[in-house]
Amino acid sequence: MTASTTRRRPMKWTGPHTTQALRTRAWTFWTSAVASVDSQVRPMQRLKSSLWIMAITFILLIAVKLAELFPDKLTLALEIRAKVTEYVRLRIEALRSENPGQFQNVSALRTNAMRYLPHYFRKGQITKMFFCFPDPQFKARLHRRRIVHTPLLAEYAYLLAPGGILYTITDVEELHQWHVEKCSSHPCFTRIPDSELESDPCVKAMTEETEEGKKVARGGGKKYVAVFRRKANEDVAVDNLFW
């Protein structure tokens, strides 16, 4: 057989970038991630009472303040950014060490609330939900990514106990109008008049105890607040929607 007709044996790749090695690394990462999430979810699922207060986005200080306002209830702050979540976790640990026996009712969890929120809570388990200075997603094609949206409001209504309250705050007037429009048109929510919010300590905490709220105040900006109450099941006009 001549050299021109000799077939070369295929080269055998070895090392950390082979298909098998990549599969092994991916599987190891996935199993560790699932175990981490499972360890956080299972303790929550064992709680059956409606004692949760949940804060979503820009959670730096409001979660701690809510824990002080409601020592008999649990506050969980949800944030998708790893560094922010870690900062809050370390701060809570520092407060616990400085104040023995206190701040045991507050925690922070890194997660995508828009995707995985129903995995953490039961129906009617949450009493208050806070959406503090969420991403406005200005482009029209990105409006579907806004955290207050008609499809997501169905989930929030399912998780909120009847009479529970949904708080929103933003420094973008257009987004505030979006919040009002979407929540007011949803059959499970009714807006609470602004006159009733003056005595609500949660509104004060939301406007004054968040990093973004303080930033807006320093810049002389305006903060727009809209608060909505979850209707009782019998007051919802749509039949068999969530129950």
Protein backbone atom coordinates (compact mmCIF):
# COMPACT_ATOMS: atom_id res chain seq x y z
CA MET A 1 0.00 0.00 0.00
CA THR A 2 1.45 3.33 -1.00
CA ALA A 3 1.79 6.30 1.30
CA SER A 4 -0.91 8.16 -0.63
CA THR A 5 -3.49 5.47 0.08
CA THR A 6 -2.59 4.89 3.74
CA ARG A 7 -5.40 5.92 6.07
CA ARG A 8 -4.55 7.83 9.16
CA ARG A 9 -5.97 6.71 12.46
CA PRO A 10 -8.17 9.42 14.03
CA MET A 11 -6.44 11.45 16.71
CA LYS A 12 -7.65 10.66 20.21
CA TRP A 13 -8.25 13.80 22.21
CA THR A 14 -7.48 13.71 25.91
CA GLY A 15 -7.50 16.26 28.66
CA PRO A 16 -10.01 18.53 30.43
CA HIS A 17 -11.86 19.56 27.25
CA THR A 18 -12.99 16.16 25.99
CA THR A 19 -16.70 15.49 25.62
CA GLN A 20 -16.76 13.10 28.57
CA ALA A 21 -14.86 15.52 30.78
CA LEU A 22 -17.23 18.35 29.91
CA ARG A 23 -20.23 16.14 30.61
CA THR A 24 -18.79 15.19 33.98
CA ARG A 25 -18.16 18.80 34.91
CA ALA A 26 -21.65 19.83 33.81
CA TRP A 27 -23.25 17.01 35.79
CA THR A 28 -21.24 17.88 38.90
CA PHE A 29 -22.26 21.53 38.65
CA TRP A 30 -25.92 20.65 38.09
CA THR A 31 -26.18 18.20 41.01
CA SER A 32 -24.51 20.65 43.39
CA ALA A 33 -26.83 23.45 42.26
CA VAL A 34 -29.92 21.28 42.74
CA ALA A 35 -28.74 20.23 46.20
CA SER A 36 -28.16 23.88 47.16
CA VAL A 37 -31.62 24.97 46.03
CA ASP A 38 -33.26 21.92 47.61
CA SER A 39 -31.67 22.68 50.97
CA GLN A 40 -33.20 26.16 50.88
CA VAL A 41 -36.61 25.20 49.54
CA ARG A 42 -37.47 22.27 51.82
CA PRO A 43 -37.43 24.26 55.10
CA MET A 44 -39.79 26.80 53.49
CA GLN A 45 -42.19 24.16 52.26
CA ARG A 46 -42.60 22.80 55.78
CA LEU A 47 -44.03 26.12 56.95
CA LYS A 48 -47.79 26.04 56.60
CA SER A 49 -48.83 29.34 58.15
CA SER A 50 -49.26 32.60 56.23
CA LEU A 51 -46.37 34.36 57.91
CA TRP A 52 -44.20 35.32 54.97
CA ILE A 53 -43.35 38.84 53.96
CA MET A 54 -41.46 38.91 50.68
CA ALA A 55 -39.34 41.70 49.25
CA ILE A 56 -38.17 41.54 45.64
CA THR A 57 -35.40 43.66 44.04
CA PHE A 58 -33.24 46.30 45.72
CA ILE A 59 -33.48 44.49 49.03
CA LEU A 60 -30.49 45.94 50.87
CA LEU A 61 -32.18 47.62 53.80
CA ILE A 62 -35.91 47.08 53.52
CA ALA A 63 -35.67 43.40 54.45
CA VAL A 64 -33.95 44.23 57.73
CA LYS A 65 -36.43 47.02 58.44
CA LEU A 66 -39.39 44.72 57.80
CA ALA A 67 -37.88 42.18 60.18
CA GLU A 68 -37.83 44.87 62.86
CA LEU A 69 -41.40 45.99 62.12
CA PHE A 70 -42.78 42.44 62.14
CA PRO A 71 -40.74 40.35 64.60
CA ASP A 72 -43.42 37.63 64.65
CA LYS A 73 -43.30 37.12 60.88
CA LEU A 74 -40.70 35.87 58.43
CA THR A 75 -39.16 38.15 55.83
CA LEU A 76 -37.50 36.70 52.75
CA ALA A 77 -35.68 38.97 50.31
CA LEU A 78 -35.29 37.67 46.76
CA GLU A 79 -32.61 38.99 44.42
CA ILE A 80 -31.19 37.65 41.16
CA ARG A 81 -27.76 39.30 41.49
CA ALA A 82 -25.21 37.19 43.33
CA LYS A 83 -23.13 40.02 44.79
CA VAL A 84 -26.15 41.87 46.15
CA THR A 85 -27.56 38.73 47.73
CA GLU A 86 -24.23 37.89 49.34
CA TYR A 87 -23.94 41.43 50.72
CA VAL A 88 -27.37 41.17 52.32
CA ARG A 89 -26.59 37.73 53.75
CA LEU A 90 -23.37 38.96 55.34
CA ARG A 91 -25.12 42.00 56.74
CA ILE A 92 -27.84 39.88 58.31
CA GLU A 93 -25.20 37.61 59.86
CA ALA A 94 -23.43 40.67 61.28
CA LEU A 95 -26.67 41.99 62.78
CA ARG A 96 -27.37 38.61 64.35
CA SER A 97 -23.93 38.50 65.96
CA GLU A 98 -24.26 42.07 67.23
CA ASN A 99 -27.81 41.50 68.51
CA PRO A 100 -28.08 37.97 69.94
CA GLY A 101 -31.55 36.52 69.55
CA GLN A 102 -32.64 39.13 67.01
CA PHE A 103 -32.95 39.13 63.21
CA GLN A 104 -33.63 35.40 63.15
CA ASN A 105 -36.76 36.05 61.07
CA VAL A 106 -35.08 37.50 57.98
CA SER A 107 -33.05 35.95 55.20
CA ALA A 108 -32.00 36.54 51.59
CA LEU A 109 -32.15 34.14 48.68
CA ARG A 110 -30.61 34.45 45.25
CA THR A 111 -33.15 33.34 42.67
CA ASN A 112 -35.11 34.42 39.62
CA ALA A 113 -38.48 35.28 41.16
CA MET A 114 -40.13 35.66 37.77
CA ARG A 115 -39.43 32.00 37.02
CA TYR A 116 -39.28 30.12 40.27
CA LEU A 117 -41.47 31.95 42.77
CA PRO A 118 -44.21 29.26 42.91
CA HIS A 119 -41.53 26.70 43.82
CA TYR A 120 -40.92 28.38 47.17
CA PHE A 121 -44.37 29.14 48.57
CA ARG A 122 -47.76 27.56 49.03
CA LYS A 123 -51.07 29.02 47.98
CA GLY A 124 -51.97 31.99 50.20
CA GLN A 125 -48.77 31.75 52.25
CA ILE A 126 -47.56 35.33 51.71
CA THR A 127 -49.08 38.32 53.50
CA LYS A 128 -47.09 41.14 51.90
CA MET A 129 -45.10 41.46 48.69
CA PHE A 130 -42.76 44.35 47.89
CA PHE A 131 -41.50 45.35 44.45
CA CYS A 132 -38.97 48.09 45.11
CA PHE A 133 -37.51 49.99 42.16
CA PRO A 134 -37.66 47.11 39.66
CA ASP A 135 -35.97 47.29 36.27
CA PRO A 136 -38.19 49.54 34.10
CA GLN A 137 -37.30 47.69 30.87
CA PHE A 138 -37.88 50.82 28.78
CA LYS A 139 -37.89 49.19 25.33
CA ALA A 140 -41.34 48.10 24.19
CA ARG A 141 -40.11 44.66 23.17
CA LEU A 142 -38.84 44.13 26.73
CA HIS A 143 -42.04 45.10 28.53
CA ARG A 144 -42.88 41.42 28.87
CA ARG A 145 -39.89 41.14 31.21
CA ARG A 146 -41.29 43.59 33.72
CA ILE A 147 -41.81 41.91 37.05
CA VAL A 148 -45.28 43.42 37.46
CA HIS A 149 -47.13 42.00 34.48
CA THR A 150 -50.52 40.41 33.89
CA PRO A 151 -49.29 36.78 33.68
CA LEU A 152 -47.16 37.19 36.80
CA LEU A 153 -49.96 38.91 38.71
CA ALA A 154 -51.86 35.64 38.48
CA GLU A 155 -49.01 33.95 40.38
CA TYR A 156 -48.83 36.76 42.93
CA ALA A 157 -52.58 36.54 43.54
CA TYR A 158 -52.28 32.78 44.03
CA LEU A 159 -49.48 33.13 46.59
CA LEU A 160 -50.92 36.11 48.47
CA ALA A 161 -53.41 35.38 51.22
CA PRO A 162 -56.84 37.03 50.81
CA GLY A 163 -56.41 40.53 52.18
CA GLY A 164 -52.66 40.42 51.53
CA ILE A 165 -50.98 43.53 50.20
CA LEU A 166 -48.79 44.11 47.14
CA TYR A 167 -46.50 47.17 47.35
CA THR A 168 -44.81 48.84 44.37
CA ILE A 169 -42.43 51.78 44.24
CA THR A 170 -40.43 53.28 41.37
CA ASP A 171 -38.83 56.55 40.35
CA VAL A 172 -40.04 56.15 36.75
CA GLU A 173 -43.48 57.68 36.21
CA GLU A 174 -44.21 55.62 33.11
CA LEU A 175 -43.49 52.41 35.02
CA HIS A 176 -45.68 53.62 37.88
CA GLN A 177 -48.56 54.09 35.44
CA TRP A 178 -47.88 50.59 34.14
CA HIS A 179 -48.12 49.21 37.69
CA VAL A 180 -51.41 51.00 38.29
CA GLU A 181 -52.88 49.90 34.98
CA LYS A 182 -51.93 46.23 35.27
CA CYS A 183 -52.84 45.78 38.92
CA SER A 184 -56.07 47.79 38.77
CA SER A 185 -57.31 45.83 35.76
CA HIS A 186 -56.56 42.46 37.36
CA PRO A 187 -59.67 40.83 38.89
CA CYS A 188 -57.86 39.81 42.08
CA PHE A 189 -56.49 43.21 43.12
CA THR A 190 -57.93 46.52 44.19
CA ARG A 191 -55.92 49.68 44.80
CA ILE A 192 -55.62 51.10 48.29
CA PRO A 193 -56.23 54.89 48.34
CA ASP A 194 -53.15 57.02 48.97
CA SER A 195 -54.87 58.57 52.00
CA GLU A 196 -54.74 55.19 53.76
CA LEU A 197 -51.02 54.76 53.12
CA GLU A 198 -49.86 57.59 55.36
CA SER A 199 -50.20 55.45 58.47
CA ASP A 200 -48.64 52.35 56.89
CA PRO A 201 -45.11 51.83 58.28
CA CYS A 202 -44.27 49.59 55.32
CA VAL A 203 -44.68 52.48 52.90
CA LYS A 204 -42.26 54.58 54.94
CA ALA A 205 -39.77 51.72 55.05
CA MET A 206 -40.13 51.19 51.32
CA THR A 207 -39.52 54.84 50.46
CA GLU A 208 -36.80 55.59 53.00
CA GLU A 209 -35.02 52.32 53.84
CA THR A 210 -33.92 51.14 50.40
CA GLU A 211 -30.62 52.02 48.78
CA GLU A 212 -32.35 53.13 45.61
CA GLY A 213 -34.86 55.21 47.58
CA LYS A 214 -32.04 57.05 49.32
CA LYS A 215 -30.28 57.54 46.00
CA VAL A 216 -33.40 59.06 44.44
CA ALA A 217 -33.84 61.36 47.45
CA ARG A 218 -30.23 62.58 47.18
CA GLY A 219 -30.76 63.33 43.50
CA GLY A 220 -33.98 65.22 44.13
CA GLY A 221 -36.06 62.70 42.19
CA LYS A 222 -39.64 61.68 42.81
CA LYS A 223 -40.80 58.32 44.11
CA TYR A 224 -44.09 56.85 42.92
CA VAL A 225 -45.92 54.45 45.22
CA ALA A 226 -48.91 52.26 44.42
CA VAL A 227 -50.31 49.67 46.83
CA PHE A 228 -52.91 47.02 46.10
CA ARG A 229 -54.90 44.59 48.23
CA ARG A 230 -55.60 41.00 47.29
CA LYS A 231 -59.38 40.57 47.18
CA ALA A 232 -61.16 37.88 49.11
CA ASN A 233 -61.94 34.84 47.01
CA GLU A 234 -65.67 35.51 47.02
CA ASP A 235 -65.12 39.08 45.79
CA VAL A 236 -63.23 38.06 42.65
CA ALA A 237 -65.42 38.41 39.57
CA VAL A 238 -63.81 35.60 37.60
CA ASP A 239 -65.10 32.16 38.59
CA ASN A 240 -62.73 29.27 39.28
CA LEU A 241 -59.62 31.26 38.42
CA PHE A 242 -57.33 30.29 41.28
CA TRP A 243 -59.36 27.88 43.41
